Amino acid sequence: QVQLVESGGGLLQAGGSLRLSCAASGRTFSTYGMGWFRQAPGKTREFVAAISRSGDITHHADSVKGRFTISRDNAKNKVYLQMNSLKPEDTAVYYCAAGSRIIYGGSRNPNDYDDWGQGTQVTVSS
């Protein structure tokens, strides 16, 4: 099990940028596939981005491709989500997730993740 704490959310205008961070506890961070998901009010949780254990493989949802970038630093036990050219439709609570069963690559399936952070709010105004 790993504890996850997100940070970096906030309120900003459309077109702006934010970098979300997720700090993980424990010594085995590099054995987890990591992902970012988001949930807007009245909507189901949706996949945003995922990254493999080593960081060499990433996946991004079509809705954020070219604007968001997931990365990780295993030495610091952190995963990041760089968000550029933000749009009002990106407004949501963003969650970091860890999956020990993700052996290769990343996963878009929330059921592959065992541990979740508490979320950080991102609000983009028009």
Protein backbone atom coordinates (compact mmCIF):
# COMPACT_ATOMS: atom_id res chain seq x y z
CA GLN A 1 0.00 0.00 0.00
CA VAL A 2 1.16 3.53 -0.74
CA GLN A 3 -0.15 6.84 0.55
CA LEU A 4 -0.60 9.57 -2.03
CA VAL A 5 -0.90 13.32 -1.49
CA GLU A 6 -1.70 15.66 -4.38
CA SER A 7 -0.87 19.35 -4.49
CA GLY A 8 -0.73 22.21 -6.95
CA GLY A 9 -4.38 22.75 -7.76
CA GLY A 10 -5.94 26.17 -7.93
CA LEU A 11 -8.11 28.71 -9.68
CA LEU A 12 -6.93 30.26 -12.91
CA GLN A 13 -8.11 31.68 -16.22
CA ALA A 14 -8.38 29.79 -19.44
CA GLY A 15 -5.10 29.51 -21.29
CA GLY A 16 -3.07 29.29 -18.12
CA SER A 17 -0.82 26.53 -16.81
CA LEU A 18 -0.54 24.48 -13.65
CA ARG A 19 1.67 21.66 -12.48
CA LEU A 20 0.13 19.10 -10.19
CA SER A 21 2.35 17.02 -7.95
CA CYS A 22 1.67 13.75 -6.21
CA ALA A 23 3.94 12.65 -3.38
CA ALA A 24 4.01 8.96 -2.51
CA SER A 25 5.08 7.34 0.73
CA GLY A 26 7.11 4.17 0.94
CA ARG A 27 10.29 2.78 -0.59
CA THR A 28 8.74 0.89 -3.50
CA PHE A 29 7.40 3.78 -5.57
CA SER A 30 9.21 2.55 -8.67
CA THR A 31 7.18 -0.67 -8.61
CA TYR A 32 3.90 1.19 -9.18
CA GLY A 33 2.32 2.25 -12.41
CA MET A 34 0.92 5.72 -11.80
CA GLY A 35 -2.04 7.59 -13.20
CA TRP A 36 -3.99 10.82 -13.03
CA PHE A 37 -7.77 10.85 -13.17
CA ARG A 38 -10.28 13.64 -12.79
CA GLN A 39 -13.89 14.03 -11.81
CA ALA A 40 -16.06 17.01 -12.63
CA PRO A 41 -19.31 17.76 -10.77
CA GLY A 42 -22.08 15.42 -11.87
CA LYS A 43 -19.73 13.33 -14.01
CA THR A 44 -17.96 10.03 -13.59
CA ARG A 45 -14.24 9.83 -12.91
CA GLU A 46 -12.26 9.87 -16.15
CA PHE A 47 -8.76 8.93 -17.18
CA VAL A 48 -6.31 11.76 -17.82
CA ALA A 49 -2.82 10.26 -18.07
CA ALA A 50 -0.74 7.26 -17.03
CA ILE A 51 2.94 6.44 -16.79
CA SER A 52 4.88 3.21 -16.51
CA ARG A 53 7.02 2.18 -13.57
CA SER A 54 10.21 3.47 -15.12
CA GLY A 55 8.58 6.46 -16.78
CA ASP A 56 9.45 5.39 -20.32
CA ILE A 57 5.86 4.80 -21.41
CA THR A 58 3.08 7.34 -21.09
CA HIS A 59 -0.55 7.55 -22.18
CA HIS A 60 -2.75 10.63 -22.34
CA ALA A 61 -6.46 10.97 -22.91
CA ASP A 62 -7.36 12.41 -26.29
CA SER A 63 -8.98 15.38 -24.56
CA VAL A 64 -5.68 16.48 -23.03
CA LYS A 65 -3.15 15.20 -25.58
CA GLY A 66 -0.76 17.95 -26.60
CA ARG A 67 -1.69 20.07 -23.58
CA PHE A 68 -0.96 17.86 -20.55
CA THR A 69 2.17 15.85 -19.80
CA ILE A 70 2.65 13.22 -17.13
CA SER A 71 6.10 12.55 -15.70
CA ARG A 72 7.66 10.96 -12.65
CA ASP A 73 10.78 11.18 -10.52
CA ASN A 74 11.36 7.87 -8.79
CA ALA A 75 14.21 9.29 -6.73
CA LYS A 76 11.78 11.77 -5.19
CA ASN A 77 8.76 9.44 -5.08
CA LYS A 78 6.72 11.90 -7.10
CA VAL A 79 4.56 11.98 -10.17
CA TYR A 80 3.61 15.19 -11.94
CA LEU A 81 0.98 16.45 -14.32
CA GLN A 82 1.98 19.52 -16.30
CA MET A 83 -1.16 21.19 -17.62
CA ASN A 84 -0.92 23.88 -20.29
CA SER A 85 -3.52 25.76 -22.31
CA LEU A 86 -6.14 24.99 -19.72
CA LYS A 87 -9.81 25.17 -20.67
CA PRO A 88 -12.94 25.60 -18.55
CA GLU A 89 -13.84 21.99 -19.34
CA ASP A 90 -10.68 20.91 -17.50
CA THR A 91 -12.31 22.03 -14.25
CA ALA A 92 -12.44 19.02 -11.93
CA VAL A 93 -10.95 17.37 -8.90
CA TYR A 94 -7.74 15.67 -10.01
CA TYR A 95 -6.71 12.40 -8.40
CA CYS A 96 -3.40 10.62 -8.36
CA ALA A 97 -3.49 6.81 -8.34
CA ALA A 98 -1.00 3.96 -7.90
CA GLY A 99 -1.24 0.43 -9.20
CA SER A 100 1.13 -2.35 -8.11
CA ARG A 101 -0.43 -4.80 -10.59
CA ILE A 102 0.48 -2.63 -13.59
CA ILE A 103 3.55 -4.52 -14.73
CA TYR A 104 4.15 -2.98 -18.13
CA GLY A 105 3.25 0.42 -19.50
CA GLY A 106 0.44 2.46 -18.01
CA SER A 107 -3.26 1.80 -17.60
CA ARG A 108 -6.34 3.82 -18.48
CA ASN A 109 -8.54 1.55 -16.34
CA PRO A 110 -9.24 2.91 -12.84
CA ASN A 111 -9.83 -0.66 -11.63
CA ASP A 112 -6.11 -1.36 -12.13
CA TYR A 113 -5.25 1.14 -9.42
CA ASP A 114 -5.26 0.20 -5.75
CA ASP A 115 -4.38 3.43 -3.98
CA TRP A 116 -5.78 6.91 -4.50
CA GLY A 117 -5.01 10.35 -3.19
CA GLN A 118 -7.58 12.72 -1.73
CA GLY A 119 -7.65 14.89 -4.84
CA THR A 120 -6.83 18.50 -5.64
CA GLN A 121 -9.28 20.98 -7.14
CA VAL A 122 -8.52 22.67 -10.45
CA THR A 123 -10.90 25.41 -11.54
CA VAL A 124 -10.50 27.15 -14.89
CA SER A 125 -12.56 30.24 -15.57
CA SER A 126 -13.44 31.51 -19.02
